[in-house]
PDB file of N, CA and C in Angstrom:
ATOM      1  N   UNK A   1     -45.427 -30.415   9.490  1.00  0.00           N
ATOM      2  CA  UNK A   1     -44.856 -30.979   8.297  1.00  0.00           C
ATOM      3  C   UNK A   1     -45.766 -32.134   7.830  1.00  0.00           C
ATOM      4  N   UNK A   2     -46.151 -32.148   6.575  1.00  0.00           N
ATOM      5  CA  UNK A   2     -47.027 -33.214   6.084  1.00  0.00           C
ATOM      6  C   UNK A   2     -46.242 -34.538   5.996  1.00  0.00           C
ATOM      7  N   UNK A   3     -46.964 -35.594   6.224  1.00  0.00           N
ATOM      8  CA  UNK A   3     -46.305 -36.904   6.140  1.00  0.00           C
ATOM      9  C   UNK A   3     -46.221 -37.321   4.680  1.00  0.00           C
ATOM     10  N   UNK A   4     -45.027 -37.581   4.258  1.00  0.00           N
ATOM     11  CA  UNK A   4     -44.786 -37.999   2.885  1.00  0.00           C
ATOM     12  C   UNK A   4     -44.255 -39.415   2.918  1.00  0.00           C
ATOM     13  N   UNK A   5     -44.885 -40.263   2.162  1.00  0.00           N
ATOM     14  CA  UNK A   5     -44.447 -41.657   2.112  1.00  0.00           C
ATOM     15  C   UNK A   5     -43.189 -41.745   1.286  1.00  0.00           C
ATOM     16  N   UNK A   6     -42.162 -42.243   1.929  1.00  0.00           N
ATOM     17  CA  UNK A   6     -40.876 -42.393   1.261  1.00  0.00           C
ATOM     18  C   UNK A   6     -40.834 -43.743   0.543  1.00  0.00           C
ATOM     19  N   UNK A   7     -40.545 -43.713  -0.728  1.00  0.00           N
ATOM     20  CA  UNK A   7     -40.474 -44.961  -1.502  1.00  0.00           C
ATOM     21  C   UNK A   7     -39.026 -45.420  -1.516  1.00  0.00           C
ATOM     22  N   UNK A   8     -38.844 -46.610  -0.968  1.00  0.00           N
ATOM     23  CA  UNK A   8     -37.499 -47.186  -0.925  1.00  0.00           C
ATOM     24  C   UNK A   8     -37.376 -48.199  -2.056  1.00  0.00           C
ATOM     25  N   UNK A   9     -36.153 -48.472  -2.503  1.00  0.00           N
ATOM     26  CA  UNK A   9     -35.978 -49.444  -3.599  1.00  0.00           C
ATOM     27  C   UNK A   9     -36.560 -50.801  -3.258  1.00  0.00           C
ATOM     28  N   UNK A  10     -36.478 -51.229  -1.986  1.00  0.00           N
ATOM     29  CA  UNK A  10     -37.004 -52.540  -1.656  1.00  0.00           C
ATOM     30  C   UNK A  10     -38.514 -52.601  -1.687  1.00  0.00           C
ATOM     31  N   UNK A  11     -39.181 -51.421  -1.646  1.00  0.00           N
ATOM     32  CA  UNK A  11     -40.637 -51.408  -1.744  1.00  0.00           C
ATOM     33  C   UNK A  11     -41.090 -51.750  -3.153  1.00  0.00           C
ATOM     34  N   UNK A  12     -40.304 -51.465  -4.149  1.00  0.00           N
ATOM     35  CA  UNK A  12     -40.681 -51.763  -5.533  1.00  0.00           C
ATOM     36  C   UNK A  12     -40.257 -53.152  -5.954  1.00  0.00           C
ATOM     37  N   UNK A  13     -39.476 -53.819  -5.130  1.00  0.00           N
ATOM     38  CA  UNK A  13     -38.982 -55.149  -5.469  1.00  0.00           C
ATOM     39  C   UNK A  13     -40.126 -56.152  -5.565  1.00  0.00           C
ATOM     40  N   UNK A  14     -41.103 -56.042  -4.698  1.00  0.00           N
ATOM     41  CA  UNK A  14     -42.181 -57.010  -4.653  1.00  0.00           C
ATOM     42  C   UNK A  14     -42.914 -57.105  -5.979  1.00  0.00           C
ATOM     43  N   UNK A  15     -42.902 -56.023  -6.748  1.00  0.00           N
ATOM     44  CA  UNK A  15     -43.590 -56.067  -8.029  1.00  0.00           C
ATOM     45  C   UNK A  15     -42.894 -56.985  -9.013  1.00  0.00           C
ATOM     46  N   UNK A  16     -41.571 -57.199  -8.860  1.00  0.00           N
ATOM     47  CA  UNK A  16     -40.854 -58.079  -9.784  1.00  0.00           C
ATOM     48  C   UNK A  16     -41.030 -59.558  -9.408  1.00  0.00           C
ATOM     49  N   UNK A  17     -41.386 -59.814  -8.161  1.00  0.00           N
ATOM     50  CA  UNK A  17     -41.557 -61.205  -7.711  1.00  0.00           C
ATOM     51  C   UNK A  17     -43.040 -61.428  -7.430  1.00  0.00           C
ATOM     52  N   UNK A  18     -43.570 -62.501  -7.952  1.00  0.00           N
ATOM     53  CA  UNK A  18     -44.968 -62.829  -7.686  1.00  0.00           C
ATOM     54  C   UNK A  18     -45.010 -63.660  -6.404  1.00  0.00           C
ATOM     55  N   UNK A  19     -45.705 -63.168  -5.402  1.00  0.00           N
ATOM     56  CA  UNK A  19     -45.828 -63.823  -4.098  1.00  0.00           C
ATOM     57  C   UNK A  19     -44.455 -64.121  -3.482  1.00  0.00           C
ATOM     58  N   UNK A  20     -43.479 -63.281  -3.739  1.00  0.00           N
ATOM     59  CA  UNK A  20     -42.168 -63.453  -3.129  1.00  0.00           C
ATOM     60  C   UNK A  20     -41.342 -64.569  -3.720  1.00  0.00           C
ATOM     61  N   UNK A  21     -41.786 -65.140  -4.840  1.00  0.00           N
ATOM     62  CA  UNK A  21     -41.050 -66.237  -5.442  1.00  0.00           C
ATOM     63  C   UNK A  21     -40.246 -65.740  -6.624  1.00  0.00           C
ATOM     64  N   UNK A  22     -39.066 -66.293  -6.790  1.00  0.00           N
ATOM     65  CA  UNK A  22     -38.210 -65.920  -7.902  1.00  0.00           C
ATOM     66  C   UNK A  22     -38.452 -66.797  -9.100  1.00  0.00           C
ATOM     67  N   UNK A  23     -38.114 -66.283 -10.257  1.00  0.00           N
ATOM     68  CA  UNK A  23     -38.174 -67.101 -11.466  1.00  0.00           C
ATOM     69  C   UNK A  23     -36.965 -68.030 -11.469  1.00  0.00           C
ATOM     70  N   UNK A  24     -36.987 -69.031 -12.332  1.00  0.00           N
ATOM     71  CA  UNK A  24     -35.850 -69.932 -12.423  1.00  0.00           C
ATOM     72  C   UNK A  24     -34.588 -69.197 -12.831  1.00  0.00           C
ATOM     73  N   UNK A  25     -34.758 -68.250 -13.726  1.00  0.00           N
ATOM     74  CA  UNK A  25     -33.596 -67.459 -14.188  1.00  0.00           C
ATOM     75  C   UNK A  25     -32.982 -66.684 -13.028  1.00  0.00           C
ATOM     76  N   UNK A  26     -33.830 -66.089 -12.174  1.00  0.00           N
ATOM     77  CA  UNK A  26     -33.303 -65.334 -11.028  1.00  0.00           C
ATOM     78  C   UNK A  26     -32.575 -66.249 -10.052  1.00  0.00           C
ATOM     79  N   UNK A  27     -33.125 -67.450  -9.833  1.00  0.00           N
ATOM     80  CA  UNK A  27     -32.464 -68.415  -8.945  1.00  0.00           C
ATOM     81  C   UNK A  27     -31.081 -68.778  -9.484  1.00  0.00           C
ATOM     82  N   UNK A  28     -31.016 -69.020 -10.790  1.00  0.00           N
ATOM     83  CA  UNK A  28     -29.749 -69.388 -11.406  1.00  0.00           C
ATOM     84  C   UNK A  28     -28.744 -68.245 -11.275  1.00  0.00           C
ATOM     85  N   UNK A  29     -29.218 -67.002 -11.453  1.00  0.00           N
ATOM     86  CA  UNK A  29     -28.341 -65.842 -11.312  1.00  0.00           C
ATOM     87  C   UNK A  29     -27.787 -65.757  -9.894  1.00  0.00           C
ATOM     88  N   UNK A  30     -28.648 -65.952  -8.911  1.00  0.00           N
ATOM     89  CA  UNK A  30     -28.212 -65.893  -7.515  1.00  0.00           C
ATOM     90  C   UNK A  30     -27.148 -66.950  -7.230  1.00  0.00           C
ATOM     91  N   UNK A  31     -27.423 -68.185  -7.630  1.00  0.00           N
ATOM     92  CA  UNK A  31     -26.495 -69.280  -7.372  1.00  0.00           C
ATOM     93  C   UNK A  31     -25.178 -69.091  -8.129  1.00  0.00           C
ATOM     94  N   UNK A  32     -25.258 -68.577  -9.362  1.00  0.00           N
ATOM     95  CA  UNK A  32     -24.056 -68.361 -10.152  1.00  0.00           C
ATOM     96  C   UNK A  32     -23.191 -67.292  -9.531  1.00  0.00           C
ATOM     97  N   UNK A  33     -23.795 -66.177  -9.141  1.00  0.00           N
ATOM     98  CA  UNK A  33     -23.020 -65.089  -8.538  1.00  0.00           C
ATOM     99  C   UNK A  33     -22.385 -65.546  -7.225  1.00  0.00           C
ATOM    100  N   UNK A  34     -23.068 -66.354  -6.482  1.00  0.00           N
ATOM    101  CA  UNK A  34     -22.524 -66.814  -5.205  1.00  0.00           C
ATOM    102  C   UNK A  34     -21.375 -67.800  -5.415  1.00  0.00           C
ATOM    103  N   UNK A  35     -21.584 -68.773  -6.303  1.00  0.00           N
ATOM    104  CA  UNK A  35     -20.611 -69.835  -6.453  1.00  0.00           C
ATOM    105  C   UNK A  35     -19.386 -69.409  -7.270  1.00  0.00           C
ATOM    106  N   UNK A  36     -19.601 -68.760  -8.403  1.00  0.00           N
ATOM    107  CA  UNK A  36     -18.496 -68.486  -9.313  1.00  0.00           C
ATOM    108  C   UNK A  36     -17.877 -67.094  -9.132  1.00  0.00           C
ATOM    109  N   UNK A  37     -18.683 -66.132  -8.715  1.00  0.00           N
ATOM    110  CA  UNK A  37     -18.147 -64.778  -8.517  1.00  0.00           C
ATOM    111  C   UNK A  37     -17.814 -64.525  -7.044  1.00  0.00           C
ATOM    112  N   UNK A  38     -18.207 -65.460  -6.168  1.00  0.00           N
ATOM    113  CA  UNK A  38     -17.965 -65.332  -4.717  1.00  0.00           C
ATOM    114  C   UNK A  38     -18.555 -64.055  -4.139  1.00  0.00           C
ATOM    115  N   UNK A  39     -19.707 -63.657  -4.621  1.00  0.00           N
ATOM    116  CA  UNK A  39     -20.369 -62.464  -4.116  1.00  0.00           C
ATOM    117  C   UNK A  39     -21.092 -62.820  -2.808  1.00  0.00           C
ATOM    118  N   UNK A  40     -21.245 -61.829  -1.949  1.00  0.00           N
ATOM    119  CA  UNK A  40     -21.961 -61.993  -0.700  1.00  0.00           C
ATOM    120  C   UNK A  40     -23.457 -61.758  -0.907  1.00  0.00           C
ATOM    121  N   UNK A  41     -24.223 -62.070   0.143  1.00  0.00           N
ATOM    122  CA  UNK A  41     -25.684 -61.908   0.081  1.00  0.00           C
ATOM    123  C   UNK A  41     -26.082 -60.493  -0.244  1.00  0.00           C
ATOM    124  N   UNK A  42     -25.467 -59.537   0.426  1.00  0.00           N
ATOM    125  CA  UNK A  42     -25.841 -58.117   0.243  1.00  0.00           C
ATOM    126  C   UNK A  42     -25.546 -57.655  -1.162  1.00  0.00           C
ATOM    127  N   UNK A  43     -24.397 -58.019  -1.684  1.00  0.00           N
ATOM    128  CA  UNK A  43     -24.039 -57.588  -3.032  1.00  0.00           C
ATOM    129  C   UNK A  43     -24.973 -58.195  -4.085  1.00  0.00           C
ATOM    130  N   UNK A  44     -25.321 -59.475  -3.920  1.00  0.00           N
ATOM    131  CA  UNK A  44     -26.244 -60.125  -4.855  1.00  0.00           C
ATOM    132  C   UNK A  44     -27.602 -59.470  -4.765  1.00  0.00           C
ATOM    133  N   UNK A  45     -28.094 -59.238  -3.544  1.00  0.00           N
ATOM    134  CA  UNK A  45     -29.421 -58.654  -3.387  1.00  0.00           C
ATOM    135  C   UNK A  45     -29.497 -57.258  -3.987  1.00  0.00           C
ATOM    136  N   UNK A  46     -28.463 -56.461  -3.841  1.00  0.00           N
ATOM    137  CA  UNK A  46     -28.516 -55.114  -4.406  1.00  0.00           C
ATOM    138  C   UNK A  46     -28.360 -55.159  -5.931  1.00  0.00           C
ATOM    139  N   UNK A  47     -27.563 -56.073  -6.455  1.00  0.00           N
ATOM    140  CA  UNK A  47     -27.362 -56.157  -7.904  1.00  0.00           C
ATOM    141  C   UNK A  47     -28.632 -56.657  -8.612  1.00  0.00           C
ATOM    142  N   UNK A  48     -29.331 -57.600  -8.001  1.00  0.00           N
ATOM    143  CA  UNK A  48     -30.525 -58.192  -8.621  1.00  0.00           C
ATOM    144  C   UNK A  48     -31.820 -57.533  -8.156  1.00  0.00           C
ATOM    145  N   UNK A  49     -31.714 -56.603  -7.197  1.00  0.00           N
ATOM    146  CA  UNK A  49     -32.879 -55.913  -6.656  1.00  0.00           C
ATOM    147  C   UNK A  49     -33.892 -56.877  -6.054  1.00  0.00           C
ATOM    148  N   UNK A  50     -33.390 -57.796  -5.224  1.00  0.00           N
ATOM    149  CA  UNK A  50     -34.252 -58.711  -4.481  1.00  0.00           C
ATOM    150  C   UNK A  50     -33.836 -58.662  -3.022  1.00  0.00           C
ATOM    151  N   UNK A  51     -34.722 -59.002  -2.093  1.00  0.00           N
ATOM    152  CA  UNK A  51     -34.385 -58.941  -0.672  1.00  0.00           C
ATOM    153  C   UNK A  51     -33.234 -59.891  -0.306  1.00  0.00           C
ATOM    154  N   UNK A  52     -32.455 -59.480   0.667  1.00  0.00           N
ATOM    155  CA  UNK A  52     -31.312 -60.297   1.109  1.00  0.00           C
ATOM    156  C   UNK A  52     -31.790 -61.626   1.696  1.00  0.00           C
ATOM    157  N   UNK A  53     -32.930 -61.605   2.361  1.00  0.00           N
ATOM    158  CA  UNK A  53     -33.465 -62.838   2.937  1.00  0.00           C
ATOM    159  C   UNK A  53     -33.819 -63.844   1.836  1.00  0.00           C
ATOM    160  N   UNK A  54     -34.267 -63.342   0.700  1.00  0.00           N
ATOM    161  CA  UNK A  54     -34.583 -64.210  -0.427  1.00  0.00           C
ATOM    162  C   UNK A  54     -33.303 -64.837  -0.984  1.00  0.00           C
ATOM    163  N   UNK A  55     -32.252 -64.039  -1.069  1.00  0.00           N
ATOM    164  CA  UNK A  55     -30.964 -64.546  -1.531  1.00  0.00           C
ATOM    165  C   UNK A  55     -30.470 -65.640  -0.588  1.00  0.00           C
ATOM    166  N   UNK A  56     -30.584 -65.414   0.712  1.00  0.00           N
ATOM    167  CA  UNK A  56     -30.178 -66.410   1.694  1.00  0.00           C
ATOM    168  C   UNK A  56     -30.970 -67.709   1.534  1.00  0.00           C
ATOM    169  N   UNK A  57     -32.274 -67.546   1.320  1.00  0.00           N
ATOM    170  CA  UNK A  57     -33.138 -68.718   1.167  1.00  0.00           C
ATOM    171  C   UNK A  57     -32.775 -69.526  -0.068  1.00  0.00           C
ATOM    172  N   UNK A  58     -32.447 -68.851  -1.160  1.00  0.00           N
ATOM    173  CA  UNK A  58     -32.083 -69.555  -2.401  1.00  0.00           C
ATOM    174  C   UNK A  58     -30.764 -70.293  -2.234  1.00  0.00           C
ATOM    175  N   UNK A  59     -29.807 -69.672  -1.551  1.00  0.00           N
ATOM    176  CA  UNK A  59     -28.471 -70.247  -1.418  1.00  0.00           C
ATOM    177  C   UNK A  59     -28.442 -71.366  -0.370  1.00  0.00           C
ATOM    178  N   UNK A  60     -29.293 -71.293   0.631  1.00  0.00           N
ATOM    179  CA  UNK A  60     -29.269 -72.268   1.723  1.00  0.00           C
ATOM    180  C   UNK A  60     -29.545 -73.669   1.188  1.00  0.00           C
ATOM    181  N   UNK A  61     -28.839 -74.682   1.732  1.00  0.00           N
ATOM    182  CA  UNK A  61     -29.092 -76.070   1.323  1.00  0.00           C
ATOM    183  C   UNK A  61     -30.469 -76.502   1.787  1.00  0.00           C
ATOM    184  N   UNK A  62     -31.080 -77.433   1.102  1.00  0.00           N
ATOM    185  CA  UNK A  62     -32.406 -77.899   1.523  1.00  0.00           C
ATOM    186  C   UNK A  62     -32.341 -78.577   2.883  1.00  0.00           C
ATOM    187  N   UNK A  63     -33.370 -78.402   3.673  1.00  0.00           N
ATOM    188  CA  UNK A  63     -33.413 -79.011   4.998  1.00  0.00           C
ATOM    189  C   UNK A  63     -33.823 -80.462   4.884  1.00  0.00           C
ATOM    190  N   UNK A  64     -33.264 -81.291   5.732  1.00  0.00           N
ATOM    191  CA  UNK A  64     -33.642 -82.675   5.785  1.00  0.00           C
ATOM    192  C   UNK A  64     -34.967 -82.767   6.522  1.00  0.00           C
ATOM    193  N   UNK A  65     -35.965 -83.410   5.911  1.00  0.00           N
ATOM    194  CA  UNK A  65     -37.260 -83.506   6.599  1.00  0.00           C
ATOM    195  C   UNK A  65     -37.144 -84.343   7.873  1.00  0.00           C
ATOM    196  N   UNK A  66     -37.870 -83.954   8.887  1.00  0.00           N
ATOM    197  CA  UNK A  66     -37.869 -84.667  10.157  1.00  0.00           C
ATOM    198  C   UNK A  66     -38.803 -85.864  10.072  1.00  0.00           C
ATOM    199  N   UNK A  67     -38.400 -86.965  10.680  1.00  0.00           N
ATOM    200  CA  UNK A  67     -39.280 -88.138  10.730  1.00  0.00           C
ATOM    201  C   UNK A  67     -40.466 -87.829  11.618  1.00  0.00           C
ATOM    202  N   UNK A  68     -41.621 -88.271  11.167  1.00  0.00           N
ATOM    203  CA  UNK A  68     -42.803 -88.087  12.008  1.00  0.00           C
ATOM    204  C   UNK A  68     -42.884 -89.256  12.963  1.00  0.00           C
ATOM    205  N   UNK A  69     -43.108 -88.934  14.200  1.00  0.00           N
ATOM    206  CA  UNK A  69     -43.229 -89.979  15.211  1.00  0.00           C
ATOM    207  C   UNK A  69     -44.612 -90.574  15.160  1.00  0.00           C
ATOM    208  N   UNK A  70     -44.680 -91.859  15.102  1.00  0.00           N
ATOM    209  CA  UNK A  70     -45.950 -92.557  15.077  1.00  0.00           C
ATOM    210  C   UNK A  70     -46.357 -92.848  16.504  1.00  0.00           C
ATOM    211  N   UNK A  71     -47.530 -92.367  16.898  1.00  0.00           N
ATOM    212  CA  UNK A  71     -47.987 -92.529  18.285  1.00  0.00           C
ATOM    213  C   UNK A  71     -48.176 -94.002  18.650  1.00  0.00           C
ATOM    214  N   UNK A  72     -48.629 -94.844  17.704  1.00  0.00           N
ATOM    215  CA  UNK A  72     -48.844 -96.247  18.014  1.00  0.00           C
ATOM    216  C   UNK A  72     -47.506 -96.955  18.264  1.00  0.00           C
ATOM    217  N   UNK A  73     -46.446 -96.538  17.582  1.00  0.00           N
ATOM    218  CA  UNK A  73     -45.142 -97.150  17.808  1.00  0.00           C
ATOM    219  C   UNK A  73     -44.593 -96.846  19.186  1.00  0.00           C
ATOM    220  N   UNK A  74     -44.810 -95.641  19.671  1.00  0.00           N
ATOM    221  CA  UNK A  74     -44.265 -95.279  20.973  1.00  0.00           C
ATOM    222  C   UNK A  74     -44.921 -96.067  22.084  1.00  0.00           C
ATOM    223  N   UNK A  75     -46.225 -96.334  21.954  1.00  0.00           N
ATOM    224  CA  UNK A  75     -46.899 -97.110  23.006  1.00  0.00           C
ATOM    225  C   UNK A  75     -46.469 -98.579  22.946  1.00  0.00           C
ATOM    226  N   UNK A  76     -46.227 -99.103  21.741  1.00  0.00           N
ATOM    227  CA  UNK A  76     -45.782-100.476  21.614  1.00  0.00           C
ATOM    228  C   UNK A  76     -44.375-100.625  22.182  1.00  0.00           C
ATOM    229  N   UNK A  77     -43.522 -99.628  21.954  1.00  0.00           N
ATOM    230  CA  UNK A  77     -42.170 -99.678  22.464  1.00  0.00           C
ATOM    231  C   UNK A  77     -42.155 -99.684  23.969  1.00  0.00           C
ATOM    232  N   UNK A  78     -43.031 -98.916  24.598  1.00  0.00           N
ATOM    233  CA  UNK A  78     -43.055 -98.869  26.055  1.00  0.00           C
ATOM    234  C   UNK A  78     -43.551-100.207  26.614  1.00  0.00           C
ATOM    235  N   UNK A  79     -44.501-100.862  25.907  1.00  0.00           N
ATOM    236  CA  UNK A  79     -44.982-102.157  26.353  1.00  0.00           C
ATOM    237  C   UNK A  79     -43.890-103.192  26.229  1.00  0.00           C
ATOM    238  N   UNK A  80     -43.148-103.208  25.163  1.00  0.00           N
ATOM    239  CA  UNK A  80     -42.090-104.190  25.008  1.00  0.00           C
ATOM    240  C   UNK A  80     -40.972-103.968  25.996  1.00  0.00           C
ATOM    241  N   UNK A  81     -40.688-102.723  26.353  1.00  0.00           N
ATOM    242  CA  UNK A  81     -39.642-102.472  27.335  1.00  0.00           C
ATOM    243  C   UNK A  81     -40.082-102.930  28.715  1.00  0.00           C
ATOM    244  N   UNK A  82     -41.384-102.825  29.004  1.00  0.00           N
ATOM    245  CA  UNK A  82     -41.878-103.327  30.298  1.00  0.00           C
ATOM    246  C   UNK A  82     -41.779-104.824  30.340  1.00  0.00           C
ATOM    247  N   UNK A  83     -42.141-105.478  29.231  1.00  0.00           N
ATOM    248  CA  UNK A  83     -42.081-106.930  29.180  1.00  0.00           C
ATOM    249  C   UNK A  83     -40.636-107.406  29.305  1.00  0.00           C
ATOM    250  N   UNK A  84     -39.728-106.735  28.625  1.00  0.00           N
ATOM    251  CA  UNK A  84     -38.328-107.145  28.696  1.00  0.00           C
ATOM    252  C   UNK A  84     -37.750-106.887  30.075  1.00  0.00           C
ATOM    253  N   UNK A  85     -38.270-105.883  30.786  1.00  0.00           N
ATOM    254  CA  UNK A  85     -37.789-105.589  32.133  1.00  0.00           C
ATOM    255  C   UNK A  85     -38.099-106.723  33.093  1.00  0.00           C
ATOM    256  N   UNK A  86     -39.290-107.312  32.992  1.00  0.00           N
ATOM    257  CA  UNK A  86     -39.645-108.415  33.881  1.00  0.00           C
ATOM    258  C   UNK A  86     -38.849-109.645  33.531  1.00  0.00           C
ATOM    259  N   UNK A  87     -38.593-109.885  32.277  1.00  0.00           N
ATOM    260  CA  UNK A  87     -37.807-111.053  31.907  1.00  0.00           C
ATOM    261  C   UNK A  87     -36.360-110.902  32.343  1.00  0.00           C
ATOM    262  N   UNK A  88     -35.859-109.674  32.310  1.00  0.00           N
ATOM    263  CA  UNK A  88     -34.493-109.418  32.790  1.00  0.00           C
ATOM    264  C   UNK A  88     -34.385-109.708  34.282  1.00  0.00           C
ATOM    265  N   UNK A  89     -35.427-109.295  35.034  1.00  0.00           N
ATOM    266  CA  UNK A  89     -35.415-109.532  36.477  1.00  0.00           C
ATOM    267  C   UNK A  89     -35.430-111.040  36.766  1.00  0.00           C
ATOM    268  N   UNK A  90     -36.240-111.782  36.026  1.00  0.00           N
ATOM    269  CA  UNK A  90     -36.315-113.217  36.272  1.00  0.00           C
ATOM    270  C   UNK A  90     -35.012-113.899  35.873  1.00  0.00           C
ATOM    271  N   UNK A  91     -34.364-113.399  34.833  1.00  0.00           N
ATOM    272  CA  UNK A  91     -33.062-113.957  34.426  1.00  0.00           C
ATOM    273  C   UNK A  91     -32.010-113.656  35.492  1.00  0.00           C
ATOM    274  N   UNK A  92     -32.043-112.447  36.063  1.00  0.00           N
ATOM    275  CA  UNK A  92     -31.074-112.102  37.090  1.00  0.00           C
ATOM    276  C   UNK A  92     -31.263-112.957  38.333  1.00  0.00           C
ATOM    277  N   UNK A  93     -32.525-113.214  38.703  1.00  0.00           N
ATOM    278  CA  UNK A  93     -32.809-114.045  39.874  1.00  0.00           C
ATOM    279  C   UNK A  93     -32.304-115.464  39.652  1.00  0.00           C
ATOM    280  N   UNK A  94     -32.537-115.965  38.434  1.00  0.00           N
ATOM    281  CA  UNK A  94     -32.111-117.335  38.162  1.00  0.00           C
ATOM    282  C   UNK A  94     -30.587-117.446  38.133  1.00  0.00           C
ATOM    283  N   UNK A  95     -29.912-116.398  37.707  1.00  0.00           N
ATOM    284  CA  UNK A  95     -28.446-116.404  37.691  1.00  0.00           C
ATOM    285  C   UNK A  95     -27.866-116.290  39.087  1.00  0.00           C
ATOM    286  N   UNK A  96     -28.516-115.517  39.975  1.00  0.00           N
ATOM    287  CA  UNK A  96     -27.976-115.300  41.309  1.00  0.00           C
ATOM    288  C   UNK A  96     -28.264-116.479  42.232  1.00  0.00           C
ATOM    289  N   UNK A  97     -29.325-117.236  41.986  1.00  0.00           N
ATOM    290  CA  UNK A  97     -29.633-118.372  42.844  1.00  0.00           C
ATOM    291  C   UNK A  97     -28.804-119.582  42.415  1.00  0.00           C
ATOM    292  N   UNK A  98     -28.283-120.373  43.412  1.00  0.00           N
ATOM    293  CA  UNK A  98     -27.427-121.526  43.090  1.00  0.00           C
ATOM    294  C   UNK A  98     -28.168-122.702  42.541  1.00  0.00           C
TER     295      UNK A  98
END
């Protein structure tokens, strides 16, 4: 049997999106259908002919960016904790001695 390439609807979807990005109008349609029509991801994706993962990405709230740890701060913090540790010991000795 010869191999025949089966064309699925989702294979033609990429042509409507440039680099997998939606237009502003498509984003508005996705958000409107989700919020006001209470449609699910699958129903929106089939109605608009876009991948379900794209619908999920559009609907998902933006992620909070993570703070970048500054390497110089971590070394300074460890130095100050060492300094405070010795002062705590000297304070404890002075409190315990009569």
